[in-house]
Amino acid sequence: MHSRLIPEVHYIEIKSDFSDVDVKIQYYKDHPEEARNFSEASKEWIRQFSDEKREL
């Protein structure tokens, strides 16, 4: 299911060498509402897995 996650919607995408991590951290410190959107999107994503019947 990880392939269905969307960068910058469900998670903050960073380069594999972490060279942009400081820039990303600062961006979301400066834009806390966007950071909160990740939290809401991730909660919505995980809700689909809390239905045991659906999972079976």
PDB file of N, CA and C in Angstrom:
ATOM      1  N   MET A   1       0.811  -1.211   0.000  1.00  0.00           N
ATOM      2  CA  MET A   1       0.000   0.000   0.000  1.00  0.00           C
ATOM      3  C   MET A   1       0.852   1.271   0.000  1.00  0.00           C
ATOM      4  N   HIS A   2       2.123   1.125   0.323  1.00  0.00           N
ATOM      5  CA  HIS A   2       2.980   2.310   0.354  1.00  0.00           C
ATOM      6  C   HIS A   2       3.038   3.012  -0.995  1.00  0.00           C
ATOM      7  N   SER A   3       2.883   2.264  -2.053  1.00  0.00           N
ATOM      8  CA  SER A   3       2.947   2.864  -3.384  1.00  0.00           C
ATOM      9  C   SER A   3       1.780   3.810  -3.649  1.00  0.00           C
ATOM     10  N   ARG A   4       0.746   3.732  -2.837  1.00  0.00           N
ATOM     11  CA  ARG A   4      -0.416   4.610  -3.015  1.00  0.00           C
ATOM     12  C   ARG A   4      -0.313   5.896  -2.205  1.00  0.00           C
ATOM     13  N   LEU A   5       0.723   6.012  -1.387  1.00  0.00           N
ATOM     14  CA  LEU A   5       0.935   7.250  -0.637  1.00  0.00           C
ATOM     15  C   LEU A   5       1.457   8.321  -1.588  1.00  0.00           C
ATOM     16  N   ILE A   6       1.031   9.535  -1.362  1.00  0.00           N
ATOM     17  CA  ILE A   6       1.384  10.639  -2.252  1.00  0.00           C
ATOM     18  C   ILE A   6       2.337  11.591  -1.542  1.00  0.00           C
ATOM     19  N   PRO A   7       3.499  11.849  -2.169  1.00  0.00           N
ATOM     20  CA  PRO A   7       4.433  12.799  -1.559  1.00  0.00           C
ATOM     21  C   PRO A   7       3.795  14.185  -1.425  1.00  0.00           C
ATOM     22  N   GLU A   8       4.115  14.850  -0.349  1.00  0.00           N
ATOM     23  CA  GLU A   8       3.617  16.191  -0.044  1.00  0.00           C
ATOM     24  C   GLU A   8       2.118  16.207   0.239  1.00  0.00           C
ATOM     25  N   VAL A   9       1.512  15.033   0.355  1.00  0.00           N
ATOM     26  CA  VAL A   9       0.136  14.903   0.817  1.00  0.00           C
ATOM     27  C   VAL A   9       0.127  14.022   2.060  1.00  0.00           C
ATOM     28  N   HIS A  10       0.693  12.829   1.925  1.00  0.00           N
ATOM     29  CA  HIS A  10       0.738  11.882   3.037  1.00  0.00           C
ATOM     30  C   HIS A  10       2.056  11.927   3.797  1.00  0.00           C
ATOM     31  N   TYR A  11       3.069  12.442   3.180  1.00  0.00           N
ATOM     32  CA  TYR A  11       4.386  12.509   3.822  1.00  0.00           C
ATOM     33  C   TYR A  11       5.246  13.578   3.151  1.00  0.00           C
ATOM     34  N   ILE A  12       6.278  13.968   3.844  1.00  0.00           N
ATOM     35  CA  ILE A  12       7.220  14.951   3.312  1.00  0.00           C
ATOM     36  C   ILE A  12       8.331  14.187   2.614  1.00  0.00           C
ATOM     37  N   GLU A  13       8.448  14.396   1.333  1.00  0.00           N
ATOM     38  CA  GLU A  13       9.470  13.695   0.573  1.00  0.00           C
ATOM     39  C   GLU A  13      10.801  14.438   0.682  1.00  0.00           C
ATOM     40  N   ILE A  14      11.837  13.691   1.013  1.00  0.00           N
ATOM     41  CA  ILE A  14      13.186  14.261   1.073  1.00  0.00           C
ATOM     42  C   ILE A  14      14.100  13.431   0.179  1.00  0.00           C
ATOM     43  N   LYS A  15      15.190  14.038  -0.212  1.00  0.00           N
ATOM     44  CA  LYS A  15      16.157  13.346  -1.060  1.00  0.00           C
ATOM     45  C   LYS A  15      16.808  12.199  -0.295  1.00  0.00           C
ATOM     46  N   SER A  16      17.211  11.177  -1.020  1.00  0.00           N
ATOM     47  CA  SER A  16      17.784   9.987  -0.377  1.00  0.00           C
ATOM     48  C   SER A  16      19.072  10.286   0.371  1.00  0.00           C
ATOM     49  N   ASP A  17      19.764  11.363  -0.004  1.00  0.00           N
ATOM     50  CA  ASP A  17      20.995  11.727   0.703  1.00  0.00           C
ATOM     51  C   ASP A  17      20.733  12.751   1.820  1.00  0.00           C
ATOM     52  N   PHE A  18      19.469  13.061   2.060  1.00  0.00           N
ATOM     53  CA  PHE A  18      19.025  14.002   3.107  1.00  0.00           C
ATOM     54  C   PHE A  18      19.541  15.429   2.899  1.00  0.00           C
ATOM     55  N   SER A  19      19.992  15.750   1.712  1.00  0.00           N
ATOM     56  CA  SER A  19      20.581  17.068   1.470  1.00  0.00           C
ATOM     57  C   SER A  19      19.567  18.207   1.573  1.00  0.00           C
ATOM     58  N   ASP A  20      18.295  17.899   1.488  1.00  0.00           N
ATOM     59  CA  ASP A  20      17.273  18.945   1.563  1.00  0.00           C
ATOM     60  C   ASP A  20      16.473  18.924   2.866  1.00  0.00           C
ATOM     61  N   VAL A  21      16.896  18.105   3.810  1.00  0.00           N
ATOM     62  CA  VAL A  21      16.101  17.955   5.027  1.00  0.00           C
ATOM     63  C   VAL A  21      15.999  19.264   5.816  1.00  0.00           C
ATOM     64  N   ASP A  22      17.076  20.025   5.903  1.00  0.00           N
ATOM     65  CA  ASP A  22      17.017  21.292   6.640  1.00  0.00           C
ATOM     66  C   ASP A  22      16.049  22.272   5.983  1.00  0.00           C
ATOM     67  N   VAL A  23      16.051  22.304   4.667  1.00  0.00           N
ATOM     68  CA  VAL A  23      15.148  23.194   3.935  1.00  0.00           C
ATOM     69  C   VAL A  23      13.692  22.773   4.163  1.00  0.00           C
ATOM     70  N   LYS A  24      13.439  21.470   4.113  1.00  0.00           N
ATOM     71  CA  LYS A  24      12.076  20.969   4.331  1.00  0.00           C
ATOM     72  C   LYS A  24      11.597  21.266   5.757  1.00  0.00           C
ATOM     73  N   ILE A  25      12.451  21.038   6.727  1.00  0.00           N
ATOM     74  CA  ILE A  25      12.078  21.312   8.120  1.00  0.00           C
ATOM     75  C   ILE A  25      11.739  22.785   8.290  1.00  0.00           C
ATOM     76  N   GLN A  26      12.574  23.651   7.772  1.00  0.00           N
ATOM     77  CA  GLN A  26      12.325  25.085   7.908  1.00  0.00           C
ATOM     78  C   GLN A  26      11.041  25.494   7.195  1.00  0.00           C
ATOM     79  N   TYR A  27      10.805  24.928   6.017  1.00  0.00           N
ATOM     80  CA  TYR A  27       9.592  25.256   5.275  1.00  0.00           C
ATOM     81  C   TYR A  27       8.349  24.953   6.113  1.00  0.00           C
ATOM     82  N   TYR A  28       8.299  23.765   6.701  1.00  0.00           N
ATOM     83  CA  TYR A  28       7.098  23.384   7.458  1.00  0.00           C
ATOM     84  C   TYR A  28       7.032  24.058   8.824  1.00  0.00           C
ATOM     85  N   LYS A  29       8.146  24.513   9.343  1.00  0.00           N
ATOM     86  CA  LYS A  29       8.103  25.369  10.537  1.00  0.00           C
ATOM     87  C   LYS A  29       7.469  26.702  10.184  1.00  0.00           C
ATOM     88  N   ASP A  30       7.782  27.184   8.987  1.00  0.00           N
ATOM     89  CA  ASP A  30       7.230  28.459   8.526  1.00  0.00           C
ATOM     90  C   ASP A  30       5.797  28.332   8.017  1.00  0.00           C
ATOM     91  N   HIS A  31       5.349  27.122   7.741  1.00  0.00           N
ATOM     92  CA  HIS A  31       4.006  26.864   7.217  1.00  0.00           C
ATOM     93  C   HIS A  31       3.323  25.771   8.047  1.00  0.00           C
ATOM     94  N   PRO A  32       3.024  26.072   9.303  1.00  0.00           N
ATOM     95  CA  PRO A  32       2.481  25.038  10.194  1.00  0.00           C
ATOM     96  C   PRO A  32       1.137  24.464   9.741  1.00  0.00           C
ATOM     97  N   GLU A  33       0.340  25.229   9.048  1.00  0.00           N
ATOM     98  CA  GLU A  33      -0.947  24.710   8.578  1.00  0.00           C
ATOM     99  C   GLU A  33      -0.728  23.594   7.559  1.00  0.00           C
ATOM    100  N   GLU A  34       0.240  23.764   6.695  1.00  0.00           N
ATOM    101  CA  GLU A  34       0.549  22.704   5.739  1.00  0.00           C
ATOM    102  C   GLU A  34       1.062  21.464   6.466  1.00  0.00           C
ATOM    103  N   ALA A  35       1.842  21.668   7.501  1.00  0.00           N
ATOM    104  CA  ALA A  35       2.339  20.540   8.294  1.00  0.00           C
ATOM    105  C   ALA A  35       1.172  19.806   8.953  1.00  0.00           C
ATOM    106  N   ARG A  36       0.196  20.540   9.451  1.00  0.00           N
ATOM    107  CA  ARG A  36      -0.982  19.916  10.053  1.00  0.00           C
ATOM    108  C   ARG A  36      -1.775  19.111   9.021  1.00  0.00           C
ATOM    109  N   ASN A  37      -1.748  19.556   7.781  1.00  0.00           N
ATOM    110  CA  ASN A  37      -2.460  18.825   6.731  1.00  0.00           C
ATOM    111  C   ASN A  37      -1.909  17.409   6.571  1.00  0.00           C
ATOM    112  N   PHE A  38      -0.600  17.228   6.767  1.00  0.00           N
ATOM    113  CA  PHE A  38      -0.016  15.887   6.717  1.00  0.00           C
ATOM    114  C   PHE A  38      -0.622  15.015   7.796  1.00  0.00           C
ATOM    115  N   SER A  39      -0.786  15.578   8.955  1.00  0.00           N
ATOM    116  CA  SER A  39      -1.358  14.828  10.068  1.00  0.00           C
ATOM    117  C   SER A  39      -2.774  14.374   9.730  1.00  0.00           C
ATOM    118  N   GLU A  40      -3.570  15.262   9.205  1.00  0.00           N
ATOM    119  CA  GLU A  40      -4.949  14.915   8.854  1.00  0.00           C
ATOM    120  C   GLU A  40      -4.987  13.893   7.719  1.00  0.00           C
ATOM    121  N   ALA A  41      -4.152  14.069   6.721  1.00  0.00           N
ATOM    122  CA  ALA A  41      -4.122  13.135   5.594  1.00  0.00           C
ATOM    123  C   ALA A  41      -3.679  11.748   6.051  1.00  0.00           C
ATOM    124  N   SER A  42      -2.723  11.697   6.956  1.00  0.00           N
ATOM    125  CA  SER A  42      -2.257  10.390   7.429  1.00  0.00           C
ATOM    126  C   SER A  42      -3.322   9.707   8.284  1.00  0.00           C
ATOM    127  N   LYS A  43      -4.053  10.468   9.080  1.00  0.00           N
ATOM    128  CA  LYS A  43      -5.147   9.884   9.866  1.00  0.00           C
ATOM    129  C   LYS A  43      -6.225   9.322   8.942  1.00  0.00           C
ATOM    130  N   GLU A  44      -6.535  10.062   7.906  1.00  0.00           N
ATOM    131  CA  GLU A  44      -7.534   9.610   6.937  1.00  0.00           C
ATOM    132  C   GLU A  44      -7.054   8.336   6.243  1.00  0.00           C
ATOM    133  N   TRP A  45      -5.809   8.299   5.866  1.00  0.00           N
ATOM    134  CA  TRP A  45      -5.231   7.136   5.200  1.00  0.00           C
ATOM    135  C   TRP A  45      -5.333   5.881   6.081  1.00  0.00           C
ATOM    136  N   ILE A  46      -4.977   6.016   7.331  1.00  0.00           N
ATOM    137  CA  ILE A  46      -4.921   4.855   8.221  1.00  0.00           C
ATOM    138  C   ILE A  46      -6.315   4.364   8.604  1.00  0.00           C
ATOM    139  N   ARG A  47      -7.320   5.237   8.553  1.00  0.00           N
ATOM    140  CA  ARG A  47      -8.688   4.836   8.907  1.00  0.00           C
ATOM    141  C   ARG A  47      -9.173   3.657   8.071  1.00  0.00           C
ATOM    142  N   GLN A  48      -8.751   3.596   6.832  1.00  0.00           N
ATOM    143  CA  GLN A  48      -9.222   2.514   5.967  1.00  0.00           C
ATOM    144  C   GLN A  48      -8.769   1.136   6.455  1.00  0.00           C
ATOM    145  N   PHE A  49      -7.730   1.101   7.266  1.00  0.00           N
ATOM    146  CA  PHE A  49      -7.218  -0.171   7.755  1.00  0.00           C
ATOM    147  C   PHE A  49      -7.782  -0.560   9.122  1.00  0.00           C
ATOM    148  N   SER A  50      -8.629   0.273   9.684  1.00  0.00           N
ATOM    149  CA  SER A  50      -9.191  -0.027  11.009  1.00  0.00           C
ATOM    150  C   SER A  50     -10.473  -0.845  10.934  1.00  0.00           C
ATOM    151  N   ASP A  51     -10.970  -1.064   9.739  1.00  0.00           N
ATOM    152  CA  ASP A  51     -12.167  -1.881   9.542  1.00  0.00           C
ATOM    153  C   ASP A  51     -11.736  -3.334   9.322  1.00  0.00           C
ATOM    154  N   GLU A  52     -11.900  -4.150  10.368  1.00  0.00           N
ATOM    155  CA  GLU A  52     -11.434  -5.547  10.304  1.00  0.00           C
ATOM    156  C   GLU A  52     -12.106  -6.335   9.171  1.00  0.00           C
ATOM    157  N   LYS A  53     -13.388  -6.135   8.957  1.00  0.00           N
ATOM    158  CA  LYS A  53     -14.086  -6.854   7.897  1.00  0.00           C
ATOM    159  C   LYS A  53     -13.507  -6.491   6.529  1.00  0.00           C
ATOM    160  N   ARG A  54     -13.266  -5.240   6.331  1.00  0.00           N
ATOM    161  CA  ARG A  54     -12.700  -4.795   5.056  1.00  0.00           C
ATOM    162  C   ARG A  54     -11.289  -5.369   4.862  1.00  0.00           C
ATOM    163  N   GLU A  55     -10.525  -5.412   5.908  1.00  0.00           N
ATOM    164  CA  GLU A  55      -9.169  -5.931   5.835  1.00  0.00           C
ATOM    165  C   GLU A  55      -9.143  -7.412   5.496  1.00  0.00           C
ATOM    166  N   LEU A  56     -10.112  -8.169   6.012  1.00  0.00           N
ATOM    167  CA  LEU A  56     -10.164  -9.595   5.711  1.00  0.00           C
ATOM    168  C   LEU A  56     -10.548  -9.825   4.271  1.00  0.00           C
TER     169      LEU A  56
END
